[in-house]
């Protein structure tokens, strides 16, 4: 087996978002019930993932009608004065006028892009990338955004696959990208790399899967799973797929590596959240 470079994937920062230098949270126009805001004697706080990340992010973006969902949910929680995004972007065919006016009055920049050949997710990722490049130039910094994309899974299958496709298209542009819904998280694992994945069991369960999205994987080896893949095991659609797997109860990390003959193969590791 050849020597492979190591890439670390840790979700520990979900509990302490300031642990990553640059955090961007993007909310799509899809249903998700994965956040709440709870008051206590110290002010508003939450142990829930969306609010924990959104309230600490350096950049917050809503894709078109995602702003409607943010507004409606925050009104239900009496927290609408807390959640104004930095940007709303898309063709704006879904954005309600009352939501646009409300957030605009609180400093949100609304950007209309009428291009019908580009979906709203790509439009927002392009914006995040442009702001990242501007920051790197003006601040003489190499810090890239960790992009957390909420509402990315669990809706229409074609849109879900388009969101998966975005992981491929933008995989080299950011520090990391994660798709999230109320039940699932997904990230892309590049080929020819030893991946070390550290889930955050405060938010995630131990249920997981390793899915070859872009072709047959000729060699995959894992450790830390209840049902590990062994050297020589081939995975691919029409054959073996490691779904409904489980992070071993004695392990806090999963390691996996693969090398392939096909050009451009990549994989996705998914962890089911509680």
Foldseek 3Di string as FASTA:
>chain_A
DDDFAEDEAEPPCLQPVVVAPAAEEEEEQADFPQDAWDQDPVGIDDSTRPCSRQQPHPFYEYEQNSLVVVQVVCVVRVNNVRRQGQEYEEQNPNHDPVSVVVSVVVNHHYYHDNDPVDGSVVVVVVVQLVVQVVCCVVVVDPAFYEYEYENLDDDDPVSNVVSVVVLLVCVPRGPFYWYDHNWKIKGKAWARHKYKYFYDQSWFFFFKWKAWDPAKFQAKFKPQKPDTGDGRDIDDPVDDTGHRIGGDPVDRIMIMHGHHDDPGTMIMMMTTTD
